[in-house]
C-alpha atoms as a PDB file:
ATOM      1  CA  MET A   1      -0.720  27.168   1.992  1.00  0.00           C
ATOM      2  CA  THR A   2       1.746  25.009   0.132  1.00  0.00           C
ATOM      3  CA  ALA A   3       5.473  25.330   0.649  1.00  0.00           C
ATOM      4  CA  ALA A   4       5.969  26.441  -2.945  1.00  0.00           C
ATOM      5  CA  ILE A   5       3.562  29.337  -2.491  1.00  0.00           C
ATOM      6  CA  ALA A   6       5.151  30.284   0.829  1.00  0.00           C
ATOM      7  CA  PHE A   7       8.581  30.488  -0.799  1.00  0.00           C
ATOM      8  CA  GLY A   8       7.383  32.176  -3.976  1.00  0.00           C
ATOM      9  CA  SER A   9       8.349  29.362  -6.323  1.00  0.00           C
ATOM     10  CA  PRO A  10       6.063  27.688  -8.857  1.00  0.00           C
ATOM     11  CA  THR A  11       4.167  24.652  -7.676  1.00  0.00           C
ATOM     12  CA  THR A  12       5.223  21.279  -9.014  1.00  0.00           C
ATOM     13  CA  GLY A  13       1.900  19.564  -8.449  1.00  0.00           C
ATOM     14  CA  ARG A  14       3.414  17.254  -5.863  1.00  0.00           C
ATOM     15  CA  ILE A  15       2.312  19.070  -2.746  1.00  0.00           C
ATOM     16  CA  GLY A  16      -1.316  19.424  -1.778  1.00  0.00           C
ATOM     17  CA  ALA A  17      -4.275  18.029   0.023  1.00  0.00           C
ATOM     18  CA  MET A  18      -4.439  14.258  -0.058  1.00  0.00           C
ATOM     19  CA  PRO A  19      -7.763  12.468  -0.608  1.00  0.00           C
ATOM     20  CA  MET A  20      -9.408  11.045   2.486  1.00  0.00           C
ATOM     21  CA  PRO A  21      -9.524   7.250   2.875  1.00  0.00           C
ATOM     22  CA  PRO A  22     -12.810   5.590   3.884  1.00  0.00           C
ATOM     23  CA  GLN A  23     -11.982   5.675   7.632  1.00  0.00           C
ATOM     24  CA  GLY A  24     -12.089   9.487   7.652  1.00  0.00           C
ATOM     25  CA  LEU A  25      -8.373   9.990   8.352  1.00  0.00           C
ATOM     26  CA  PRO A  26      -6.012  11.482   5.772  1.00  0.00           C
ATOM     27  CA  ARG A  27      -3.680   9.045   4.047  1.00  0.00           C
ATOM     28  CA  VAL A  28      -0.215   8.529   5.437  1.00  0.00           C
ATOM     29  CA  CYS A  29       2.353  10.114   3.152  1.00  0.00           C
ATOM     30  CA  ALA A  30       6.106   9.986   2.794  1.00  0.00           C
ATOM     31  CA  VAL A  31       7.608  13.458   2.331  1.00  0.00           C
ATOM     32  CA  ARG A  32      11.155  13.576   0.987  1.00  0.00           C
ATOM     33  CA  LEU A  33      13.569  16.443   0.414  1.00  0.00           C
ATOM     34  CA  ILE A  34      14.871  16.334  -3.176  1.00  0.00           C
ATOM     35  CA  ASP A  35      17.928  18.103  -4.592  1.00  0.00           C
ATOM     36  CA  ARG A  36      16.685  19.618  -7.873  1.00  0.00           C
ATOM     37  CA  ARG A  37      20.224  19.610  -9.322  1.00  0.00           C
ATOM     38  CA  THR A  38      20.618  15.831  -9.073  1.00  0.00           C
ATOM     39  CA  GLY A  39      17.087  14.533  -8.497  1.00  0.00           C
ATOM     40  CA  ALA A  40      18.420  12.592  -5.490  1.00  0.00           C
ATOM     41  CA  VAL A  41      16.849  12.359  -2.051  1.00  0.00           C
ATOM     42  CA  HIS A  42      18.760  14.312   0.604  1.00  0.00           C
ATOM     43  CA  ARG A  43      20.622  11.951   2.951  1.00  0.00           C
ATOM     44  CA  ILE A  44      21.827  12.339   6.506  1.00  0.00           C
ATOM     45  CA  ASN A  45      24.664   9.951   7.397  1.00  0.00           C
ATOM     46  CA  GLY A  46      23.680   7.853   4.378  1.00  0.00           C
ATOM     47  CA  THR A  47      20.018   7.536   5.354  1.00  0.00           C
ATOM     48  CA  PRO A  48      17.393   9.180   3.097  1.00  0.00           C
ATOM     49  CA  LEU A  49      15.561  12.008   4.867  1.00  0.00           C
ATOM     50  CA  THR A  50      11.910  10.925   4.882  1.00  0.00           C
ATOM     51  CA  ILE A  51       9.037  12.153   7.035  1.00  0.00           C
ATOM     52  CA  LEU A  52       5.925  10.003   7.459  1.00  0.00           C
ATOM     53  CA  THR A  53       2.892  12.207   8.066  1.00  0.00           C
ATOM     54  CA  ARG A  54      -0.830  12.708   7.588  1.00  0.00           C
ATOM     55  CA  ASN A  55      -0.227  16.421   6.930  1.00  0.00           C
ATOM     56  CA  PRO A  56       2.120  16.582   3.906  1.00  0.00           C
ATOM     57  CA  THR A  57       1.768  20.329   3.363  1.00  0.00           C
ATOM     58  CA  GLU A  58       3.022  21.125   6.849  1.00  0.00           C
ATOM     59  CA  ALA A  59       5.854  18.579   6.642  1.00  0.00           C
ATOM     60  CA  ALA A  60       6.978  19.934   3.260  1.00  0.00           C
ATOM     61  CA  ALA A  61       6.988  23.487   4.606  1.00  0.00           C
ATOM     62  CA  GLU A  62       9.151  22.400   7.545  1.00  0.00           C
ATOM     63  CA  LEU A  63      11.593  20.550   5.272  1.00  0.00           C
ATOM     64  CA  LEU A  64      11.918  23.577   2.971  1.00  0.00           C
ATOM     65  CA  SER A  65      12.200  26.122   5.775  1.00  0.00           C
ATOM     66  CA  GLY A  66      15.449  28.064   5.417  1.00  0.00           C
ATOM     67  CA  ARG A  67      16.414  26.284   2.182  1.00  0.00           C
ATOM     68  CA  ASP A  68      16.845  27.756  -1.293  1.00  0.00           C
ATOM     69  CA  PRO A  69      13.683  26.775  -3.235  1.00  0.00           C
ATOM     70  CA  SER A  70      15.596  26.836  -6.517  1.00  0.00           C
ATOM     71  CA  VAL A  71      17.763  23.975  -5.170  1.00  0.00           C
ATOM     72  CA  TRP A  72      15.319  21.985  -3.002  1.00  0.00           C
ATOM     73  CA  GLU A  73      11.893  20.490  -3.576  1.00  0.00           C
ATOM     74  CA  ALA A  74       9.593  18.449  -1.336  1.00  0.00           C
ATOM     75  CA  ARG A  75       8.151  15.303  -2.911  1.00  0.00           C
ATOM     76  CA  VAL A  76       4.993  13.733  -1.445  1.00  0.00           C
ATOM     77  CA  ASP A  77       4.074  10.077  -2.019  1.00  0.00           C
ATOM     78  CA  ALA A  78       0.877   8.536  -0.631  1.00  0.00           C
ATOM     79  CA  LEU A  79       1.400   5.244   1.227  1.00  0.00           C
ATOM     80  CA  GLY A  80      -0.878   2.321   1.937  1.00  0.00           C
ATOM     81  CA  PRO A  81      -3.070   0.023  -0.123  1.00  0.00           C
ATOM     82  CA  GLU A  82      -5.116   2.922  -1.559  1.00  0.00           C
ATOM     83  CA  ALA A  83      -1.957   4.374  -3.165  1.00  0.00           C
ATOM     84  CA  ARG A  84      -1.382   1.226  -5.233  1.00  0.00           C
ATOM     85  CA  LYS A  85      -4.629   1.516  -7.210  1.00  0.00           C
END
C-alpha cells in the first residue's frame, strides 16, 4: 500500500514499486519529505531529511505518518548507475 492511499490522498506517481536491477535486489532510493506549499525538502538543523532505502513505499509511509497529507509529500528518486539511463 502506498502512503498516499493509506492517507486517503491522490497518488502523485512518485511512490511505488521500483524495478529490480540485474542482481535481484531492489534499487537503492532516496526518499525525501517535501513541503507542498514551497516545494522545498524538509530540513532538520539545516540538513535535508533524506532516507536511503530499498523499500521506498515503507519509508514514505513512515515519513508521512502523523503529517497532514495536504501539506507533505514523499518524493522517491532511484539512485545508482541504472537511474542515469
